[in-house]
């Protein structure tokens, strides 16, 4: 359960990270010590990207070791839309313009995984 839920954990973490990256300048002025404050904007954006790609890697590994049904590999079809969203976020981290990318990717990845999990349950019967 822990391994299979990692994509959800990573995407939830990225919503918080996107918020903190978008607010970094304000947080520095107000002495709010968020993760991007300590690791910097560049590393924060790198972590934001890495967590999304790690979500897909976890699915592949979970299928390879037999934790998930192979139908779950269809979730890899969402890599390209997630990538396109990341390109936009990597260019600028402005709350009014790019924070929503974290939400979009969260919904895209987790909705896809939820639907495919239901399909895999039906296929197992």
C-alpha atoms as a PDB file:
ATOM      1  CA  UNK A   1       0.000   0.000   0.000  1.00  0.00           C
ATOM      2  CA  UNK A   2       2.848   2.366   0.832  1.00  0.00           C
ATOM      3  CA  UNK A   3       4.588   1.925  -2.505  1.00  0.00           C
ATOM      4  CA  UNK A   4       1.387   2.080  -4.537  1.00  0.00           C
ATOM      5  CA  UNK A   5       0.324   5.312  -2.806  1.00  0.00           C
ATOM      6  CA  UNK A   6       3.612   7.112  -3.519  1.00  0.00           C
ATOM      7  CA  UNK A   7       2.318   8.839  -6.692  1.00  0.00           C
ATOM      8  CA  UNK A   8      -0.507  10.353  -4.654  1.00  0.00           C
ATOM      9  CA  UNK A   9       1.915  11.408  -1.923  1.00  0.00           C
ATOM     10  CA  UNK A  10       4.271  12.972  -4.474  1.00  0.00           C
ATOM     11  CA  UNK A  11       1.521  14.899  -6.256  1.00  0.00           C
ATOM     12  CA  UNK A  12       0.082  16.227  -2.991  1.00  0.00           C
ATOM     13  CA  UNK A  13       3.566  17.306  -1.943  1.00  0.00           C
ATOM     14  CA  UNK A  14       3.917  19.093  -5.267  1.00  0.00           C
ATOM     15  CA  UNK A  15       0.789  21.155  -4.662  1.00  0.00           C
ATOM     16  CA  UNK A  16       2.392  22.465  -1.485  1.00  0.00           C
ATOM     17  CA  UNK A  17       5.756  22.896  -3.217  1.00  0.00           C
ATOM     18  CA  UNK A  18       4.175  24.832  -6.106  1.00  0.00           C
ATOM     19  CA  UNK A  19       2.510  27.132  -3.586  1.00  0.00           C
ATOM     20  CA  UNK A  20       5.782  27.702  -1.757  1.00  0.00           C
ATOM     21  CA  UNK A  21       7.720  28.286  -4.983  1.00  0.00           C
ATOM     22  CA  UNK A  22       5.158  30.819  -6.180  1.00  0.00           C
ATOM     23  CA  UNK A  23       5.296  32.643  -2.838  1.00  0.00           C
ATOM     24  CA  UNK A  24       9.066  32.405  -2.310  1.00  0.00           C
ATOM     25  CA  UNK A  25       9.877  36.124  -2.601  1.00  0.00           C
ATOM     26  CA  UNK A  26       7.057  37.050  -0.237  1.00  0.00           C
ATOM     27  CA  UNK A  27       8.050  34.266   2.166  1.00  0.00           C
ATOM     28  CA  UNK A  28      11.638  35.551   2.286  1.00  0.00           C
ATOM     29  CA  UNK A  29      10.404  39.082   3.055  1.00  0.00           C
ATOM     30  CA  UNK A  30       8.118  37.760   5.808  1.00  0.00           C
ATOM     31  CA  UNK A  31      10.695  35.346   7.281  1.00  0.00           C
ATOM     32  CA  UNK A  32       8.662  32.221   6.475  1.00  0.00           C
ATOM     33  CA  UNK A  33      11.093  29.355   6.216  1.00  0.00           C
ATOM     34  CA  UNK A  34       9.633  26.976   3.650  1.00  0.00           C
ATOM     35  CA  UNK A  35      11.525  24.229   1.832  1.00  0.00           C
ATOM     36  CA  UNK A  36      12.268  26.456  -1.206  1.00  0.00           C
ATOM     37  CA  UNK A  37      13.698  29.038   1.193  1.00  0.00           C
ATOM     38  CA  UNK A  38      16.325  26.501   2.270  1.00  0.00           C
ATOM     39  CA  UNK A  39      17.021  24.747  -1.035  1.00  0.00           C
ATOM     40  CA  UNK A  40      16.486  27.714  -3.369  1.00  0.00           C
ATOM     41  CA  UNK A  41      14.183  28.256  -6.310  1.00  0.00           C
ATOM     42  CA  UNK A  42      16.300  26.290  -8.794  1.00  0.00           C
ATOM     43  CA  UNK A  43      16.465  23.168  -6.620  1.00  0.00           C
ATOM     44  CA  UNK A  44      12.802  23.580  -5.661  1.00  0.00           C
ATOM     45  CA  UNK A  45      11.756  23.556  -9.313  1.00  0.00           C
ATOM     46  CA  UNK A  46      14.028  20.566  -9.921  1.00  0.00           C
ATOM     47  CA  UNK A  47      12.376  18.731  -7.002  1.00  0.00           C
ATOM     48  CA  UNK A  48       8.931  19.679  -8.365  1.00  0.00           C
ATOM     49  CA  UNK A  49       9.799  18.039 -11.686  1.00  0.00           C
ATOM     50  CA  UNK A  50      11.497  15.027 -10.107  1.00  0.00           C
ATOM     51  CA  UNK A  51       8.493  14.192  -7.935  1.00  0.00           C
ATOM     52  CA  UNK A  52       6.217  14.005 -10.972  1.00  0.00           C
ATOM     53  CA  UNK A  53       8.585  11.762 -12.879  1.00  0.00           C
ATOM     54  CA  UNK A  54       9.110   9.650  -9.750  1.00  0.00           C
ATOM     55  CA  UNK A  55       5.334   9.115  -9.678  1.00  0.00           C
ATOM     56  CA  UNK A  56       5.534   7.444 -13.062  1.00  0.00           C
ATOM     57  CA  UNK A  57       8.624   5.466 -12.090  1.00  0.00           C
ATOM     58  CA  UNK A  58       6.821   4.094  -9.029  1.00  0.00           C
ATOM     59  CA  UNK A  59       3.989   2.853 -11.244  1.00  0.00           C
ATOM     60  CA  UNK A  60       6.455   1.066 -13.550  1.00  0.00           C
ATOM     61  CA  UNK A  61       8.290  -0.499 -10.607  1.00  0.00           C
ATOM     62  CA  UNK A  62       5.002  -1.509  -8.947  1.00  0.00           C
ATOM     63  CA  UNK A  63       3.888  -3.272 -12.119  1.00  0.00           C
ATOM     64  CA  UNK A  64       7.310  -4.909 -12.561  1.00  0.00           C
ATOM     65  CA  UNK A  65       7.263  -6.405  -9.050  1.00  0.00           C
ATOM     66  CA  UNK A  66       3.615  -7.433  -9.307  1.00  0.00           C
ATOM     67  CA  UNK A  67       2.058  -4.925  -6.894  1.00  0.00           C
ATOM     68  CA  UNK A  68      -0.077  -3.453  -9.680  1.00  0.00           C
ATOM     69  CA  UNK A  69      -1.825  -4.892 -12.730  1.00  0.00           C
ATOM     70  CA  UNK A  70      -0.081  -4.187 -16.066  1.00  0.00           C
ATOM     71  CA  UNK A  71      -3.069  -2.094 -17.189  1.00  0.00           C
ATOM     72  CA  UNK A  72      -1.706   0.576 -14.831  1.00  0.00           C
ATOM     73  CA  UNK A  73       1.064   1.203 -17.372  1.00  0.00           C
ATOM     74  CA  UNK A  74      -1.541   3.071 -19.432  1.00  0.00           C
ATOM     75  CA  UNK A  75      -1.051   5.876 -16.917  1.00  0.00           C
ATOM     76  CA  UNK A  76       2.252   6.556 -18.673  1.00  0.00           C
ATOM     77  CA  UNK A  77       0.192   8.157 -21.446  1.00  0.00           C
ATOM     78  CA  UNK A  78      -0.176  11.171 -19.158  1.00  0.00           C
ATOM     79  CA  UNK A  79       3.576  11.832 -19.152  1.00  0.00           C
ATOM     80  CA  UNK A  80       3.379  14.140 -22.160  1.00  0.00           C
ATOM     81  CA  UNK A  81       0.625  16.442 -20.800  1.00  0.00           C
ATOM     82  CA  UNK A  82       2.427  16.522 -17.445  1.00  0.00           C
ATOM     83  CA  UNK A  83       5.661  17.387 -19.261  1.00  0.00           C
ATOM     84  CA  UNK A  84       3.936  20.218 -21.151  1.00  0.00           C
ATOM     85  CA  UNK A  85       2.650  21.626 -17.861  1.00  0.00           C
ATOM     86  CA  UNK A  86       6.113  21.376 -16.328  1.00  0.00           C
ATOM     87  CA  UNK A  87       7.641  23.341 -19.189  1.00  0.00           C
ATOM     88  CA  UNK A  88       5.247  26.190 -18.357  1.00  0.00           C
ATOM     89  CA  UNK A  89       5.948  25.974 -14.629  1.00  0.00           C
ATOM     90  CA  UNK A  90       9.710  25.845 -15.158  1.00  0.00           C
ATOM     91  CA  UNK A  91       9.604  29.164 -17.028  1.00  0.00           C
ATOM     92  CA  UNK A  92       7.951  31.073 -14.211  1.00  0.00           C
ATOM     93  CA  UNK A  93       6.547  30.426 -10.784  1.00  0.00           C
ATOM     94  CA  UNK A  94       3.811  33.029 -10.439  1.00  0.00           C
ATOM     95  CA  UNK A  95       0.803  32.089  -8.341  1.00  0.00           C
ATOM     96  CA  UNK A  96      -1.794  33.705 -10.612  1.00  0.00           C
ATOM     97  CA  UNK A  97      -0.352  32.065 -13.736  1.00  0.00           C
ATOM     98  CA  UNK A  98       1.345  28.799 -12.868  1.00  0.00           C
ATOM     99  CA  UNK A  99       0.216  27.539  -9.451  1.00  0.00           C
ATOM    100  CA  UNK A 100      -2.753  25.876 -11.144  1.00  0.00           C
ATOM    101  CA  UNK A 101      -0.280  23.590 -12.952  1.00  0.00           C
ATOM    102  CA  UNK A 102       0.285  21.695  -9.711  1.00  0.00           C
ATOM    103  CA  UNK A 103      -3.463  21.190  -9.402  1.00  0.00           C
ATOM    104  CA  UNK A 104      -3.857  20.132 -13.042  1.00  0.00           C
ATOM    105  CA  UNK A 105      -1.071  17.573 -12.794  1.00  0.00           C
ATOM    106  CA  UNK A 106      -2.468  16.269  -9.506  1.00  0.00           C
ATOM    107  CA  UNK A 107      -5.909  15.713 -11.041  1.00  0.00           C
ATOM    108  CA  UNK A 108      -4.523  14.284 -14.278  1.00  0.00           C
ATOM    109  CA  UNK A 109      -2.244  11.754 -12.599  1.00  0.00           C
ATOM    110  CA  UNK A 110      -4.499  10.720  -9.734  1.00  0.00           C
ATOM    111  CA  UNK A 111      -7.715  10.550 -11.768  1.00  0.00           C
ATOM    112  CA  UNK A 112      -5.945   8.381 -14.328  1.00  0.00           C
ATOM    113  CA  UNK A 113      -4.537   6.106 -11.629  1.00  0.00           C
ATOM    114  CA  UNK A 114      -7.924   5.834  -9.927  1.00  0.00           C
ATOM    115  CA  UNK A 115      -9.725   4.912 -13.144  1.00  0.00           C
ATOM    116  CA  UNK A 116      -7.031   2.400 -14.102  1.00  0.00           C
ATOM    117  CA  UNK A 117      -7.088   0.902 -10.607  1.00  0.00           C
ATOM    118  CA  UNK A 118     -10.829   0.320 -10.994  1.00  0.00           C
ATOM    119  CA  UNK A 119     -10.235  -1.245 -14.413  1.00  0.00           C
ATOM    120  CA  UNK A 120      -7.544  -3.489 -12.962  1.00  0.00           C
ATOM    121  CA  UNK A 121      -9.928  -4.683 -10.226  1.00  0.00           C
ATOM    122  CA  UNK A 122     -12.511  -5.580 -12.852  1.00  0.00           C
ATOM    123  CA  UNK A 123      -9.867  -7.384 -14.945  1.00  0.00           C
ATOM    124  CA  UNK A 124      -8.709  -9.389 -11.924  1.00  0.00           C
ATOM    125  CA  UNK A 125     -12.149 -10.967 -11.475  1.00  0.00           C
END
